[in-house]
Amino acid sequence: MIKIPFSDWRKELLKNSKLVQDDDDTTPTEEAERRFNRYIQLVDMVNGKEAQEVFQALVDSIRVPEDYGAFEAVHRALWKFSPDDFADYFVAALPKLIRRMAKHDQVVRFLIPLTGHARRKYLPAFHAALDRASPGDRRTILNFVKRNSEELGDVLPL
């Protein structure tokens, strides 16, 4: 449960999500570790009962190519949301995430559970939310899934 004001939590989450990459030799190791650990701590505050703005902030924090395992915490947090909330919130957030991170495989990573463990509970809700999406957003998502059909083929509506 997030016990600080949302605006403070979001600001700090986004600041610390700028995880130091291997090619950054300007940031001291201690600072890189502090940011990483605080990011995980902030993500772990989410219990899945929060509003869409929390879900969106988590997705917005996915913005570096190498996460060194930090996005596993984001993954766990997103999948705490109910199937209907997850589907509505994720479909709304996906087009922007696709534009920002598609070339780094981060989007595929967050959709893969729809083809496996989340297939029964979450995939029908995802399809319903996709049907309600704007034509442009639906096209962006479907085109991305088609381009990654080897991993995500089962995500497409029947």
N, C-alpha and C. Protein backbone atom coordinates (compact mmCIF):
# COMPACT_ATOMS: atom_id res chain seq x y z
N MET A 1 0.84 -1.17 0.00
CA MET A 1 0.00 0.00 0.00
C MET A 1 0.89 1.24 0.00
N ILE A 2 0.52 2.17 -0.86
CA ILE A 2 1.28 3.41 -0.97
C ILE A 2 0.85 4.33 0.17
N LYS A 3 1.81 4.64 1.03
CA LYS A 3 1.50 5.43 2.23
C LYS A 3 2.02 6.86 2.16
N ILE A 4 2.35 7.30 0.97
CA ILE A 4 2.75 8.69 0.77
C ILE A 4 1.81 9.27 -0.29
N PRO A 5 1.67 10.58 -0.37
CA PRO A 5 0.78 11.15 -1.38
C PRO A 5 1.15 10.66 -2.78
N PHE A 6 0.12 10.37 -3.58
CA PHE A 6 0.37 9.83 -4.92
C PHE A 6 1.34 10.69 -5.72
N SER A 7 1.16 11.99 -5.71
CA SER A 7 2.03 12.86 -6.52
C SER A 7 3.50 12.73 -6.11
N ASP A 8 3.75 12.59 -4.81
CA ASP A 8 5.13 12.39 -4.33
C ASP A 8 5.66 11.03 -4.75
N TRP A 9 4.80 10.01 -4.61
CA TRP A 9 5.19 8.65 -4.99
C TRP A 9 5.53 8.59 -6.47
N ARG A 10 4.66 9.15 -7.30
CA ARG A 10 4.87 9.12 -8.76
C ARG A 10 6.15 9.86 -9.14
N LYS A 11 6.33 11.03 -8.58
CA LYS A 11 7.52 11.82 -8.89
C LYS A 11 8.79 11.05 -8.54
N GLU A 12 8.80 10.46 -7.36
CA GLU A 12 9.98 9.71 -6.93
C GLU A 12 10.16 8.43 -7.75
N LEU A 13 9.05 7.78 -8.07
CA LEU A 13 9.11 6.56 -8.89
C LEU A 13 9.76 6.88 -10.24
N LEU A 14 9.28 7.91 -10.90
CA LEU A 14 9.81 8.25 -12.22
C LEU A 14 11.27 8.71 -12.14
N LYS A 15 11.60 9.45 -11.11
CA LYS A 15 12.99 9.89 -10.93
C LYS A 15 13.93 8.69 -10.76
N ASN A 16 13.53 7.75 -9.93
CA ASN A 16 14.39 6.59 -9.65
C ASN A 16 14.33 5.53 -10.75
N SER A 17 13.34 5.62 -11.64
CA SER A 17 13.27 4.65 -12.73
C SER A 17 14.32 4.92 -13.81
N LYS A 18 15.01 6.02 -13.70
CA LYS A 18 16.11 6.31 -14.62
C LYS A 18 17.32 5.49 -14.18
N LEU A 19 17.18 4.19 -14.29
CA LEU A 19 18.22 3.28 -13.83
C LEU A 19 19.50 3.51 -14.62
N VAL A 20 20.59 3.55 -13.92
CA VAL A 20 21.89 3.81 -14.53
C VAL A 20 22.26 2.63 -15.42
N GLN A 21 22.59 2.94 -16.66
CA GLN A 21 22.95 1.92 -17.64
C GLN A 21 24.45 1.65 -17.61
N ASP A 22 24.84 0.51 -18.14
CA ASP A 22 26.25 0.09 -18.11
C ASP A 22 27.20 1.11 -18.72
N ASP A 23 26.73 1.83 -19.73
CA ASP A 23 27.63 2.77 -20.42
C ASP A 23 27.71 4.14 -19.73
N ASP A 24 27.03 4.29 -18.60
CA ASP A 24 27.06 5.55 -17.85
C ASP A 24 28.21 5.50 -16.85
N ASP A 25 29.24 6.26 -17.15
CA ASP A 25 30.37 6.30 -16.21
C ASP A 25 30.40 7.61 -15.42
N THR A 26 29.29 8.34 -15.46
CA THR A 26 29.22 9.62 -14.75
C THR A 26 28.51 9.51 -13.41
N THR A 27 27.77 8.43 -13.22
CA THR A 27 27.01 8.26 -11.98
C THR A 27 27.76 7.30 -11.06
N PRO A 28 28.02 7.74 -9.84
CA PRO A 28 28.71 6.85 -8.89
C PRO A 28 27.90 5.57 -8.63
N THR A 29 28.60 4.50 -8.39
CA THR A 29 27.97 3.20 -8.14
C THR A 29 26.99 3.27 -6.98
N GLU A 30 27.34 3.99 -5.93
CA GLU A 30 26.46 4.09 -4.76
C GLU A 30 25.12 4.74 -5.14
N GLU A 31 25.18 5.77 -5.99
CA GLU A 31 23.96 6.45 -6.45
C GLU A 31 23.13 5.53 -7.33
N ALA A 32 23.78 4.78 -8.20
CA ALA A 32 23.07 3.83 -9.05
C ALA A 32 22.35 2.78 -8.20
N GLU A 33 23.02 2.26 -7.20
CA GLU A 33 22.41 1.25 -6.32
C GLU A 33 21.28 1.86 -5.49
N ARG A 34 21.46 3.09 -5.03
CA ARG A 34 20.41 3.75 -4.25
C ARG A 34 19.15 3.92 -5.09
N ARG A 35 19.32 4.40 -6.33
CA ARG A 35 18.17 4.58 -7.23
C ARG A 35 17.46 3.26 -7.50
N PHE A 36 18.25 2.24 -7.80
CA PHE A 36 17.70 0.92 -8.08
C PHE A 36 16.87 0.42 -6.89
N ASN A 37 17.46 0.47 -5.71
CA ASN A 37 16.79 -0.03 -4.51
C ASN A 37 15.54 0.77 -4.17
N ARG A 38 15.61 2.08 -4.32
CA ARG A 38 14.43 2.91 -4.02
C ARG A 38 13.33 2.67 -5.05
N TYR A 39 13.70 2.49 -6.28
CA TYR A 39 12.72 2.17 -7.32
C TYR A 39 11.96 0.90 -6.96
N ILE A 40 12.67 -0.13 -6.61
CA ILE A 40 12.04 -1.41 -6.22
C ILE A 40 11.14 -1.18 -5.01
N GLN A 41 11.62 -0.45 -4.05
CA GLN A 41 10.84 -0.18 -2.84
C GLN A 41 9.53 0.54 -3.18
N LEU A 42 9.58 1.52 -4.05
CA LEU A 42 8.38 2.26 -4.45
C LEU A 42 7.41 1.36 -5.22
N VAL A 43 7.92 0.55 -6.12
CA VAL A 43 7.08 -0.37 -6.88
C VAL A 43 6.41 -1.37 -5.94
N ASP A 44 7.16 -1.87 -4.98
CA ASP A 44 6.62 -2.87 -4.05
C ASP A 44 5.53 -2.33 -3.14
N MET A 45 5.33 -1.02 -3.12
CA MET A 45 4.24 -0.44 -2.34
C MET A 45 2.87 -0.70 -2.97
N VAL A 46 2.84 -1.04 -4.22
CA VAL A 46 1.58 -1.25 -4.95
C VAL A 46 0.98 -2.59 -4.57
N ASN A 47 -0.34 -2.56 -4.26
CA ASN A 47 -1.01 -3.81 -3.89
C ASN A 47 -2.06 -4.25 -4.91
N GLY A 48 -2.26 -3.47 -5.98
CA GLY A 48 -3.20 -3.85 -7.02
C GLY A 48 -4.61 -3.34 -6.81
N LYS A 49 -4.84 -2.64 -5.73
CA LYS A 49 -6.17 -2.10 -5.45
C LYS A 49 -6.24 -0.60 -5.78
N GLU A 50 -5.12 -0.06 -6.27
CA GLU A 50 -5.04 1.36 -6.56
C GLU A 50 -5.78 1.71 -7.85
N ALA A 51 -5.89 2.99 -8.08
CA ALA A 51 -6.55 3.53 -9.27
C ALA A 51 -5.64 3.41 -10.50
N GLN A 52 -6.22 3.72 -11.65
CA GLN A 52 -5.52 3.65 -12.92
C GLN A 52 -4.26 4.51 -12.93
N GLU A 53 -4.27 5.62 -12.23
CA GLU A 53 -3.11 6.51 -12.24
C GLU A 53 -1.86 5.83 -11.68
N VAL A 54 -2.03 4.92 -10.74
CA VAL A 54 -0.89 4.17 -10.19
C VAL A 54 -0.39 3.18 -11.24
N PHE A 55 -1.31 2.45 -11.86
CA PHE A 55 -0.95 1.51 -12.92
C PHE A 55 -0.19 2.26 -14.02
N GLN A 56 -0.73 3.41 -14.43
CA GLN A 56 -0.11 4.20 -15.49
C GLN A 56 1.29 4.66 -15.09
N ALA A 57 1.45 5.07 -13.86
CA ALA A 57 2.77 5.50 -13.39
C ALA A 57 3.77 4.35 -13.47
N LEU A 58 3.33 3.15 -13.11
CA LEU A 58 4.22 1.98 -13.21
C LEU A 58 4.64 1.77 -14.66
N VAL A 59 3.68 1.81 -15.58
CA VAL A 59 4.00 1.62 -16.99
C VAL A 59 4.90 2.76 -17.48
N ASP A 60 4.62 3.98 -17.06
CA ASP A 60 5.46 5.11 -17.44
C ASP A 60 6.90 4.97 -16.93
N SER A 61 7.08 4.21 -15.88
CA SER A 61 8.43 4.04 -15.31
C SER A 61 9.27 3.03 -16.09
N ILE A 62 8.66 2.34 -17.04
CA ILE A 62 9.38 1.38 -17.89
C ILE A 62 9.98 2.19 -19.03
N ARG A 63 11.24 2.59 -18.88
CA ARG A 63 11.81 3.48 -19.89
C ARG A 63 13.30 3.34 -20.12
N VAL A 64 13.91 2.34 -19.59
CA VAL A 64 15.32 2.10 -19.91
C VAL A 64 15.45 0.71 -20.53
N PRO A 65 16.40 0.54 -21.44
CA PRO A 65 16.53 -0.76 -22.10
C PRO A 65 16.99 -1.88 -21.16
N GLU A 66 17.89 -1.56 -20.25
CA GLU A 66 18.40 -2.58 -19.33
C GLU A 66 17.93 -2.25 -17.93
N ASP A 67 17.19 -3.18 -17.33
CA ASP A 67 16.61 -2.90 -16.02
C ASP A 67 17.30 -3.65 -14.89
N TYR A 68 18.21 -4.57 -15.20
CA TYR A 68 18.98 -5.31 -14.21
C TYR A 68 18.08 -6.04 -13.21
N GLY A 69 16.89 -6.43 -13.69
CA GLY A 69 15.94 -7.16 -12.85
C GLY A 69 14.88 -6.30 -12.17
N ALA A 70 14.99 -5.00 -12.27
CA ALA A 70 14.03 -4.12 -11.59
C ALA A 70 12.62 -4.25 -12.14
N PHE A 71 12.50 -4.52 -13.43
CA PHE A 71 11.16 -4.59 -14.01
C PHE A 71 10.41 -5.85 -13.59
N GLU A 72 11.10 -6.78 -12.97
CA GLU A 72 10.39 -7.93 -12.40
C GLU A 72 9.44 -7.45 -11.30
N ALA A 73 9.86 -6.46 -10.54
CA ALA A 73 9.00 -5.89 -9.50
C ALA A 73 7.79 -5.20 -10.15
N VAL A 74 8.01 -4.49 -11.25
CA VAL A 74 6.91 -3.84 -11.95
C VAL A 74 5.96 -4.91 -12.49
N HIS A 75 6.52 -5.94 -13.05
CA HIS A 75 5.73 -7.05 -13.57
C HIS A 75 4.82 -7.62 -12.48
N ARG A 76 5.39 -7.91 -11.34
CA ARG A 76 4.59 -8.45 -10.22
C ARG A 76 3.51 -7.46 -9.80
N ALA A 77 3.84 -6.19 -9.76
CA ALA A 77 2.87 -5.17 -9.32
C ALA A 77 1.71 -5.07 -10.31
N LEU A 78 1.99 -5.05 -11.60
CA LEU A 78 0.92 -4.92 -12.59
C LEU A 78 -0.05 -6.10 -12.53
N TRP A 79 0.49 -7.28 -12.33
CA TRP A 79 -0.36 -8.48 -12.34
C TRP A 79 -1.11 -8.67 -11.02
N LYS A 80 -0.93 -7.76 -10.07
CA LYS A 80 -1.74 -7.77 -8.85
C LYS A 80 -3.13 -7.18 -9.09
N PHE A 81 -3.26 -6.38 -10.15
CA PHE A 81 -4.55 -5.76 -10.45
C PHE A 81 -5.53 -6.82 -10.95
N SER A 82 -6.80 -6.60 -10.70
CA SER A 82 -7.82 -7.55 -11.14
C SER A 82 -7.77 -7.67 -12.67
N PRO A 83 -8.26 -8.77 -13.22
CA PRO A 83 -8.24 -8.92 -14.67
C PRO A 83 -8.89 -7.76 -15.42
N ASP A 84 -10.04 -7.30 -14.97
CA ASP A 84 -10.72 -6.21 -15.67
C ASP A 84 -9.94 -4.90 -15.57
N ASP A 85 -9.46 -4.58 -14.37
CA ASP A 85 -8.66 -3.36 -14.22
C ASP A 85 -7.37 -3.46 -15.00
N PHE A 86 -6.68 -4.59 -14.89
CA PHE A 86 -5.43 -4.78 -15.64
C PHE A 86 -5.68 -4.55 -17.12
N ALA A 87 -6.71 -5.18 -17.65
CA ALA A 87 -6.99 -5.09 -19.09
C ALA A 87 -7.29 -3.66 -19.51
N ASP A 88 -8.20 -3.01 -18.79
CA ASP A 88 -8.55 -1.62 -19.14
C ASP A 88 -7.35 -0.70 -19.04
N TYR A 89 -6.62 -0.81 -17.95
CA TYR A 89 -5.49 0.08 -17.71
C TYR A 89 -4.33 -0.20 -18.68
N PHE A 90 -4.08 -1.48 -18.95
CA PHE A 90 -2.95 -1.82 -19.80
C PHE A 90 -3.22 -1.48 -21.26
N VAL A 91 -4.44 -1.74 -21.72
CA VAL A 91 -4.78 -1.37 -23.10
C VAL A 91 -4.65 0.14 -23.28
N ALA A 92 -5.04 0.90 -22.27
CA ALA A 92 -4.91 2.35 -22.34
C ALA A 92 -3.44 2.78 -22.36
N ALA A 93 -2.59 2.05 -21.67
CA ALA A 93 -1.17 2.43 -21.55
C ALA A 93 -0.29 1.86 -22.65
N LEU A 94 -0.74 0.79 -23.31
CA LEU A 94 0.12 0.09 -24.26
C LEU A 94 0.61 0.92 -25.46
N PRO A 95 -0.24 1.68 -26.11
CA PRO A 95 0.28 2.40 -27.29
C PRO A 95 1.50 3.27 -26.98
N LYS A 96 1.46 3.98 -25.89
CA LYS A 96 2.60 4.83 -25.51
C LYS A 96 3.82 3.97 -25.15
N LEU A 97 3.59 2.88 -24.44
CA LEU A 97 4.70 1.97 -24.09
C LEU A 97 5.30 1.36 -25.36
N ILE A 98 4.46 0.98 -26.31
CA ILE A 98 4.95 0.42 -27.57
C ILE A 98 5.83 1.44 -28.28
N ARG A 99 5.37 2.67 -28.37
CA ARG A 99 6.17 3.70 -29.05
C ARG A 99 7.51 3.94 -28.33
N ARG A 100 7.50 3.84 -27.01
CA ARG A 100 8.70 4.15 -26.23
C ARG A 100 9.67 2.97 -26.15
N MET A 101 9.16 1.74 -26.03
CA MET A 101 10.04 0.63 -25.66
C MET A 101 10.00 -0.60 -26.57
N ALA A 102 9.27 -0.59 -27.65
CA ALA A 102 9.13 -1.79 -28.48
C ALA A 102 10.44 -2.38 -28.95
N LYS A 103 11.38 -1.52 -29.30
CA LYS A 103 12.65 -2.04 -29.82
C LYS A 103 13.52 -2.70 -28.74
N HIS A 104 13.12 -2.60 -27.50
CA HIS A 104 13.90 -3.19 -26.41
C HIS A 104 13.25 -4.43 -25.81
N ASP A 105 12.22 -4.96 -26.42
CA ASP A 105 11.52 -6.18 -25.97
C ASP A 105 10.81 -6.04 -24.63
N GLN A 106 10.77 -4.85 -24.08
CA GLN A 106 10.10 -4.71 -22.79
C GLN A 106 8.58 -4.91 -22.91
N VAL A 107 7.99 -4.52 -24.03
CA VAL A 107 6.55 -4.67 -24.20
C VAL A 107 6.19 -6.15 -24.26
N VAL A 108 6.92 -6.91 -25.04
CA VAL A 108 6.67 -8.35 -25.15
C VAL A 108 6.73 -8.98 -23.77
N ARG A 109 7.69 -8.60 -23.02
CA ARG A 109 7.90 -9.14 -21.68
C ARG A 109 6.66 -8.98 -20.78
N PHE A 110 5.97 -7.86 -20.93
CA PHE A 110 4.80 -7.60 -20.09
C PHE A 110 3.51 -8.20 -20.65
N LEU A 111 3.52 -8.60 -21.92
CA LEU A 111 2.35 -9.24 -22.53
C LEU A 111 2.41 -10.77 -22.48
N ILE A 112 3.59 -11.33 -22.39
CA ILE A 112 3.78 -12.79 -22.42
C ILE A 112 2.86 -13.55 -21.47
N PRO A 113 2.62 -13.10 -20.25
CA PRO A 113 1.74 -13.88 -19.37
C PRO A 113 0.34 -14.11 -19.93
N LEU A 114 -0.10 -13.27 -20.86
CA LEU A 114 -1.41 -13.48 -21.48
C LEU A 114 -1.44 -14.76 -22.30
N THR A 115 -0.29 -15.28 -22.67
CA THR A 115 -0.23 -16.53 -23.43
C THR A 115 0.01 -17.73 -22.51
N GLY A 116 0.21 -17.47 -21.25
CA GLY A 116 0.52 -18.54 -20.30
C GLY A 116 -0.36 -18.49 -19.08
N HIS A 117 0.24 -18.21 -17.93
CA HIS A 117 -0.46 -18.31 -16.65
C HIS A 117 -1.68 -17.40 -16.53
N ALA A 118 -1.72 -16.31 -17.25
CA ALA A 118 -2.84 -15.37 -17.14
C ALA A 118 -3.89 -15.58 -18.23
N ARG A 119 -3.71 -16.57 -19.03
CA ARG A 119 -4.56 -16.81 -20.20
C ARG A 119 -6.04 -16.94 -19.82
N ARG A 120 -6.35 -17.71 -18.84
CA ARG A 120 -7.75 -17.97 -18.49
C ARG A 120 -8.46 -16.75 -17.90
N LYS A 121 -7.82 -16.10 -16.95
CA LYS A 121 -8.47 -15.00 -16.24
C LYS A 121 -8.30 -13.65 -16.93
N TYR A 122 -7.15 -13.41 -17.49
CA TYR A 122 -6.83 -12.07 -17.98
C TYR A 122 -7.05 -11.89 -19.49
N LEU A 123 -6.83 -12.92 -20.28
CA LEU A 123 -6.91 -12.75 -21.73
C LEU A 123 -8.32 -12.36 -22.20
N PRO A 124 -9.39 -12.97 -21.70
CA PRO A 124 -10.73 -12.51 -22.13
C PRO A 124 -10.97 -11.03 -21.79
N ALA A 125 -10.54 -10.59 -20.63
CA ALA A 125 -10.70 -9.19 -20.25
C ALA A 125 -9.85 -8.30 -21.15
N PHE A 126 -8.66 -8.76 -21.50
CA PHE A 126 -7.79 -8.01 -22.41
C PHE A 126 -8.45 -7.85 -23.77
N HIS A 127 -9.02 -8.92 -24.30
CA HIS A 127 -9.72 -8.85 -25.59
C HIS A 127 -10.89 -7.88 -25.52
N ALA A 128 -11.65 -7.92 -24.44
CA ALA A 128 -12.79 -7.00 -24.28
C ALA A 128 -12.32 -5.56 -24.23
N ALA A 129 -11.25 -5.29 -23.50
CA ALA A 129 -10.72 -3.93 -23.41
C ALA A 129 -10.17 -3.49 -24.77
N LEU A 130 -9.55 -4.39 -25.48
CA LEU A 130 -9.03 -4.08 -26.81
C LEU A 130 -10.17 -3.72 -27.76
N ASP A 131 -11.29 -4.42 -27.65
CA ASP A 131 -12.47 -4.11 -28.47
C ASP A 131 -13.00 -2.70 -28.19
N ARG A 132 -12.84 -2.23 -26.96
CA ARG A 132 -13.34 -0.90 -26.58
C ARG A 132 -12.35 0.22 -26.87
N ALA A 133 -11.13 -0.14 -27.22
CA ALA A 133 -10.08 0.87 -27.47
C ALA A 133 -10.41 1.65 -28.74
N SER A 134 -9.83 2.83 -28.82
CA SER A 134 -10.00 3.63 -30.04
C SER A 134 -9.40 2.86 -31.22
N PRO A 135 -9.89 3.11 -32.42
CA PRO A 135 -9.34 2.40 -33.59
C PRO A 135 -7.82 2.56 -33.72
N GLY A 136 -7.31 3.76 -33.45
CA GLY A 136 -5.86 3.97 -33.55
C GLY A 136 -5.08 3.17 -32.53
N ASP A 137 -5.55 3.18 -31.28
CA ASP A 137 -4.87 2.42 -30.23
C ASP A 137 -4.96 0.92 -30.51
N ARG A 138 -6.13 0.46 -30.94
CA ARG A 138 -6.30 -0.97 -31.25
C ARG A 138 -5.34 -1.37 -32.38
N ARG A 139 -5.25 -0.54 -33.40
CA ARG A 139 -4.36 -0.83 -34.53
C ARG A 139 -2.90 -0.89 -34.06
N THR A 140 -2.48 0.06 -33.23
CA THR A 140 -1.10 0.07 -32.71
C THR A 140 -0.80 -1.22 -31.95
N ILE A 141 -1.72 -1.62 -31.09
CA ILE A 141 -1.52 -2.84 -30.29
C ILE A 141 -1.52 -4.08 -31.17
N LEU A 142 -2.51 -4.20 -32.04
CA LEU A 142 -2.60 -5.39 -32.90
C LEU A 142 -1.40 -5.50 -33.84
N ASN A 143 -0.96 -4.38 -34.39
CA ASN A 143 0.22 -4.41 -35.26
C ASN A 143 1.46 -4.85 -34.49
N PHE A 144 1.59 -4.38 -33.25
CA PHE A 144 2.73 -4.79 -32.43
C PHE A 144 2.67 -6.30 -32.16
N VAL A 145 1.50 -6.79 -31.79
CA VAL A 145 1.35 -8.22 -31.50
C VAL A 145 1.64 -9.04 -32.75
N LYS A 146 1.16 -8.60 -33.89
CA LYS A 146 1.42 -9.32 -35.15
C LYS A 146 2.91 -9.34 -35.46
N ARG A 147 3.59 -8.21 -35.26
CA ARG A 147 5.04 -8.16 -35.51
C ARG A 147 5.81 -9.10 -34.57
N ASN A 148 5.23 -9.39 -33.43
CA ASN A 148 5.87 -10.26 -32.44
C ASN A 148 5.08 -11.55 -32.27
N SER A 149 4.51 -12.03 -33.37
CA SER A 149 3.59 -13.17 -33.31
C SER A 149 4.25 -14.46 -32.84
N GLU A 150 5.54 -14.58 -33.04
CA GLU A 150 6.21 -15.80 -32.57
C GLU A 150 6.06 -15.97 -31.07
N GLU A 151 6.20 -14.86 -30.32
CA GLU A 151 6.05 -14.90 -28.86
C GLU A 151 4.61 -14.62 -28.43
N LEU A 152 3.89 -13.80 -29.19
CA LEU A 152 2.59 -13.29 -28.73
C LEU A 152 1.39 -13.70 -29.58
N GLY A 153 1.57 -14.62 -30.49
CA GLY A 153 0.48 -14.99 -31.39
C GLY A 153 -0.81 -15.32 -30.69
N ASP A 154 -0.75 -15.94 -29.54
CA ASP A 154 -1.96 -16.33 -28.80
C ASP A 154 -2.66 -15.15 -28.13
N VAL A 155 -2.08 -13.96 -28.17
CA VAL A 155 -2.68 -12.79 -27.56
C VAL A 155 -3.78 -12.21 -28.47
N LEU A 156 -3.64 -12.48 -29.76
CA LEU A 156 -4.62 -11.93 -30.72
C LEU A 156 -6.01 -12.49 -30.46
N PRO A 157 -7.03 -11.64 -30.62
CA PRO A 157 -8.42 -12.14 -30.50
C PRO A 157 -8.69 -13.18 -31.56
N LEU A 158 -9.53 -14.13 -31.22
CA LEU A 158 -9.85 -15.20 -32.19
C LEU A 158 -10.67 -14.68 -33.34
